[in-house]
């Protein structure tokens, strides 16, 4: 397929096609992060739907944080895929992924808050 027809152009117009195995690995990583984003969204919806023995404001607040993290995770996964694909095409270093550390920290804080209330 010609690069003129592939989207997004800012990725495919740069450099050369990398080995397809690297592109497929990048896509698998993208899908793994997307699954994580979907799990965060599902957790937020479930937390809002189930009655737990905690203050309603805290439960709704945690549910909102989970949904927002899911949204940010979906966006970050696409940005990460795009930046990695472009880096592979141009021979640059792969980008750092600071969102992963922030996501881990947020999940730890949320889990600790839920445990503190439930135990």
Protein backbone atom coordinates (compact mmCIF):
# COMPACT_ATOMS: atom_id res chain seq x y z
CA UNK A 1 0.00 0.00 0.00
CA UNK A 2 1.30 3.44 -0.82
CA UNK A 3 2.20 5.72 2.07
CA UNK A 4 -0.07 8.38 0.55
CA UNK A 5 -3.15 6.40 1.60
CA UNK A 6 -2.12 5.43 5.13
CA UNK A 7 -3.25 7.49 8.05
CA UNK A 8 -2.08 9.30 10.09
CA UNK A 9 0.17 10.94 7.52
CA UNK A 10 2.52 12.46 10.10
CA UNK A 11 3.57 8.92 11.03
CA UNK A 12 3.60 7.09 7.70
CA UNK A 13 5.09 9.93 5.66
CA UNK A 14 8.29 9.82 7.73
CA UNK A 15 11.17 7.38 7.27
CA UNK A 16 10.90 3.80 6.06
CA UNK A 17 8.72 0.87 7.01
CA UNK A 18 10.31 -0.99 9.94
CA UNK A 19 10.40 -4.77 10.15
CA UNK A 20 6.75 -5.82 10.37
CA UNK A 21 7.45 -7.74 13.59
CA UNK A 22 8.28 -4.47 15.36
CA UNK A 23 5.14 -2.82 14.05
CA UNK A 24 3.02 -5.77 15.18
CA UNK A 25 4.68 -5.73 18.61
CA UNK A 26 3.91 -2.01 18.87
CA UNK A 27 0.27 -2.73 18.00
CA UNK A 28 0.08 -5.48 20.64
CA UNK A 29 1.42 -3.04 23.24
CA UNK A 30 -1.15 -0.46 22.14
CA UNK A 31 -3.94 -3.03 22.52
CA UNK A 32 -2.68 -4.07 25.97
CA UNK A 33 -2.80 -0.46 27.16
CA UNK A 34 -6.23 -0.08 25.58
CA UNK A 35 -7.45 -3.15 27.51
CA UNK A 36 -6.13 -1.53 30.68
CA UNK A 37 -8.05 1.65 29.85
CA UNK A 38 -11.23 -0.39 29.30
CA UNK A 39 -10.72 -2.18 32.61
CA UNK A 40 -10.39 1.17 34.39
CA UNK A 41 -13.60 2.37 32.73
CA UNK A 42 -15.40 -0.84 33.70
CA UNK A 43 -14.12 -0.53 37.27
CA UNK A 44 -15.42 3.02 37.51
CA UNK A 45 -18.83 2.04 36.18
CA UNK A 46 -19.00 -1.00 38.50
CA UNK A 47 -17.98 1.06 41.52
CA UNK A 48 -20.74 3.54 40.74
CA UNK A 49 -23.33 0.79 40.27
CA UNK A 50 -22.63 -1.26 43.42
CA UNK A 51 -23.54 -0.14 46.92
CA UNK A 52 -20.50 -0.40 49.18
CA UNK A 53 -20.14 0.38 52.84
CA UNK A 54 -18.39 3.70 52.28
CA UNK A 55 -19.52 7.31 52.01
CA UNK A 56 -21.37 7.96 48.76
CA UNK A 57 -19.20 10.96 47.92
CA UNK A 58 -16.03 8.87 48.23
CA UNK A 59 -17.48 6.05 46.14
CA UNK A 60 -18.59 8.40 43.37
CA UNK A 61 -15.29 10.28 43.55
CA UNK A 62 -13.24 7.11 43.12
CA UNK A 63 -15.54 5.98 40.29
CA UNK A 64 -14.99 9.30 38.50
CA UNK A 65 -11.22 9.05 38.97
CA UNK A 66 -11.25 5.54 37.48
CA UNK A 67 -13.27 6.66 34.47
CA UNK A 68 -10.98 9.66 33.91
CA UNK A 69 -7.92 7.40 34.19
CA UNK A 70 -9.51 5.09 31.63
CA UNK A 71 -10.05 8.00 29.27
CA UNK A 72 -6.51 9.26 29.75
CA UNK A 73 -5.18 5.72 29.33
CA UNK A 74 -6.94 5.34 25.99
CA UNK A 75 -5.54 8.63 24.72
CA UNK A 76 -2.06 7.89 26.09
CA UNK A 77 -2.04 4.44 24.48
CA UNK A 78 -2.71 5.91 21.03
CA UNK A 79 -0.14 8.68 21.50
CA UNK A 80 2.40 6.11 22.67
CA UNK A 81 1.68 3.86 19.66
CA UNK A 82 2.02 6.79 17.24
CA UNK A 83 5.23 8.13 18.76
CA UNK A 84 6.79 4.65 18.85
CA UNK A 85 5.79 3.89 15.26
CA UNK A 86 7.25 7.17 14.04
CA UNK A 87 10.46 6.59 16.03
CA UNK A 88 10.86 3.12 14.50
CA UNK A 89 10.28 4.54 11.02
CA UNK A 90 12.85 7.31 11.45
CA UNK A 91 15.44 5.35 13.47
CA UNK A 92 15.04 7.52 16.58
CA UNK A 93 15.01 6.30 20.17
CA UNK A 94 11.71 5.04 21.47
CA UNK A 95 9.86 7.59 23.61
CA UNK A 96 9.67 7.35 27.39
CA UNK A 97 6.30 6.44 28.83
CA UNK A 98 5.84 8.48 31.99
CA UNK A 99 2.07 7.95 31.99
CA UNK A 100 2.64 4.34 33.08
CA UNK A 101 4.25 5.44 36.36
CA UNK A 102 1.46 7.96 36.99
CA UNK A 103 -1.16 5.29 36.31
CA UNK A 104 0.47 2.85 38.73
CA UNK A 105 0.62 5.53 41.43
CA UNK A 106 -3.05 6.43 40.92
CA UNK A 107 -4.19 2.80 41.09
CA UNK A 108 -2.18 2.27 44.30
CA UNK A 109 -3.76 5.35 45.92
CA UNK A 110 -7.27 4.28 44.85
CA UNK A 111 -6.76 0.71 46.10
CA UNK A 112 -5.41 2.00 49.42
CA UNK A 113 -8.41 4.35 49.81
CA UNK A 114 -10.87 1.53 49.14
CA UNK A 115 -9.05 -0.81 51.55
CA UNK A 116 -8.91 1.85 54.25
CA UNK A 117 -12.66 2.35 54.08
CA UNK A 118 -13.66 -1.31 53.76
CA UNK A 119 -11.35 -2.83 56.35
